[in-house]
Protein backbone atom coordinates (compact mmCIF):
# COMPACT_ATOMS: atom_id res chain seq x y z
CA MET A 1 -60.82 77.19 -100.99
CA GLU A 2 -61.85 73.91 -102.50
CA SER A 3 -60.03 70.95 -103.85
CA LEU A 4 -60.37 70.07 -107.51
CA LYS A 5 -62.00 66.80 -106.47
CA THR A 6 -64.66 68.68 -104.50
CA GLN A 7 -65.33 70.97 -107.45
CA ASP A 8 -65.68 67.98 -109.79
CA VAL A 9 -68.10 66.22 -107.44
CA LEU A 10 -70.26 69.33 -107.03
CA ILE A 11 -70.36 69.92 -110.78
CA ARG A 12 -71.38 66.32 -111.38
CA LEU A 13 -74.04 66.55 -108.65
CA GLY A 14 -75.45 69.70 -110.27
CA GLU A 15 -75.50 68.01 -113.67
CA ASP A 16 -77.25 64.99 -112.16
CA ILE A 17 -79.90 67.21 -110.60
CA ARG A 18 -80.43 68.95 -113.95
CA THR A 19 -80.69 65.60 -115.75
CA ALA A 20 -83.17 64.24 -113.19
CA ARG A 21 -85.28 67.40 -113.49
CA LYS A 22 -85.29 67.17 -117.29
CA LYS A 23 -86.17 63.45 -117.26
CA ARG A 24 -89.19 64.36 -115.14
CA ARG A 25 -90.04 67.10 -117.66
CA ILE A 26 -90.08 69.83 -114.99
CA PRO A 27 -89.36 73.34 -116.35
CA THR A 28 -86.81 75.43 -114.44
CA ALA A 29 -89.38 78.02 -113.31
CA GLU A 30 -91.67 75.33 -111.89
CA PHE A 31 -88.82 73.43 -110.24
CA ALA A 32 -87.42 76.61 -108.67
CA GLU A 33 -90.87 77.39 -107.27
CA ARG A 34 -91.22 73.84 -105.89
CA ILE A 35 -87.94 74.06 -104.01
CA GLY A 36 -88.52 77.64 -102.86
CA VAL A 37 -85.72 79.46 -104.69
CA ARG A 38 -85.30 81.82 -107.62
CA GLU A 39 -84.34 80.50 -111.04
CA GLY A 40 -80.87 82.00 -110.62
CA THR A 41 -80.28 79.94 -107.49
CA LEU A 42 -81.48 76.83 -109.29
CA ALA A 43 -79.05 77.59 -112.11
CA ARG A 44 -76.23 77.88 -109.57
CA LEU A 45 -77.24 74.57 -107.98
CA GLU A 46 -77.28 72.85 -111.35
CA LYS A 47 -73.82 74.27 -112.13
CA GLY A 48 -72.40 72.91 -108.88
CA ASP A 49 -71.85 76.24 -107.14
CA PRO A 50 -70.51 75.46 -103.64
CA GLY A 51 -72.22 78.56 -102.23
CA VAL A 52 -75.72 77.12 -102.65
CA ARG A 53 -77.25 76.23 -99.30
CA ILE A 54 -77.48 72.58 -98.33
CA GLY A 55 -81.17 73.19 -97.60
CA THR A 56 -81.65 74.03 -101.28
CA LEU A 57 -80.02 70.75 -102.23
CA ALA A 58 -82.29 68.90 -99.79
CA MET A 59 -85.40 70.56 -101.22
CA ALA A 60 -84.30 69.72 -104.77
CA LEU A 61 -83.84 66.08 -103.79
CA LEU A 62 -87.23 66.09 -102.08
CA ALA A 63 -88.89 67.51 -105.20
CA LEU A 64 -87.20 64.81 -107.27
CA GLY A 65 -88.30 62.06 -104.87
CA GLU A 66 -84.68 61.31 -103.93
CA LEU A 67 -84.36 62.74 -100.41
CA ASP A 68 -83.62 59.29 -99.00
CA ARG A 69 -80.23 59.40 -100.72
CA LEU A 70 -79.21 62.42 -98.64
CA GLU A 71 -80.64 60.81 -95.52
CA GLU A 72 -78.41 57.76 -96.01
CA LEU A 73 -75.32 59.72 -97.05
CA LEU A 74 -73.21 59.06 -93.95
CA ASP A 75 -75.03 56.21 -92.26
CA PRO A 76 -72.84 55.28 -89.25
CA GLY A 77 -73.66 51.61 -89.76
CA ASP A 78 -72.20 51.79 -93.26
CA ASP A 79 -69.15 53.93 -92.41
CA GLY A 80 -66.24 51.59 -93.11
CA THR A 81 -63.58 53.89 -91.67
CA GLY A 82 -65.59 54.60 -88.54
CA LEU A 83 -66.27 50.90 -88.02
CA LEU A 84 -62.57 50.08 -88.40
CA LEU A 85 -61.66 52.79 -85.88
CA ASP A 86 -64.25 51.44 -83.44
CA ARG A 87 -62.84 47.96 -83.86
CA SER A 88 -59.26 49.13 -83.26
CA ARG A 89 -60.36 50.70 -79.96
CA LEU A 90 -61.82 47.48 -78.59
CA PRO A 91 -60.01 46.19 -75.52
CA LYS A 92 -57.47 43.46 -76.23
CA ARG A 93 -58.55 41.53 -73.19
CA ILE A 94 -61.52 41.58 -70.88
CA ASP A 95 -60.84 40.49 -67.32
CA ARG A 96 -63.59 38.65 -65.54
CA LYS A 97 -64.26 40.45 -62.33
CA ARG A 98 -65.81 38.73 -59.40
CA PRO A 99 -69.26 40.03 -58.55
CA LYS A 100 -69.37 42.24 -55.52
CA LYS A 101 -71.55 41.16 -52.66
CA PRO A 102 -74.53 43.46 -52.25
CA PRO A 103 -74.40 45.56 -49.12
CA SER A 104 -76.40 44.03 -46.34
CA SER A 105 -79.54 45.91 -45.57
CA ASP A 106 -82.89 45.33 -44.04
CA ILE A 107 -84.64 46.22 -47.31
CA PRO A 108 -85.69 43.07 -49.21
CA LEU A 109 -84.32 42.82 -52.76
CA SER A 110 -87.51 41.15 -54.05
CA ASP A 111 -91.19 41.46 -53.32
CA ASP A 112 -93.69 38.71 -52.42
CA ASP A 113 -94.15 37.85 -56.12
CA GLY A 114 -90.41 37.33 -56.62
CA MET A 115 -89.88 40.57 -58.56
CA VAL A 116 -86.31 41.70 -58.19
CA PHE A 117 -85.52 45.34 -57.56
């Protein structure tokens, strides 16, 4: 079961793939061969069929020279909602704790060159 919004987005994505393929003057048979599917599967992709594998979409984007768009789709550094949630989870206050004294031992904490362990 899909939402109407999801259906609309998939249909538009399929149309965009078809348009990009046509702008590059790639016939359907050749494009299907490049992405490793039959022409029927390509037709389903270009119609926005939700049953087409995501791997097929990735191969189509690769063949069109647009795979980087899929790679950047949900970049965590650009996820506004995720960043807001992270920010809301920050502590309100950070208490300064006194450093603990290291346990006394006979093992030196630095070597002759002053390197600390």
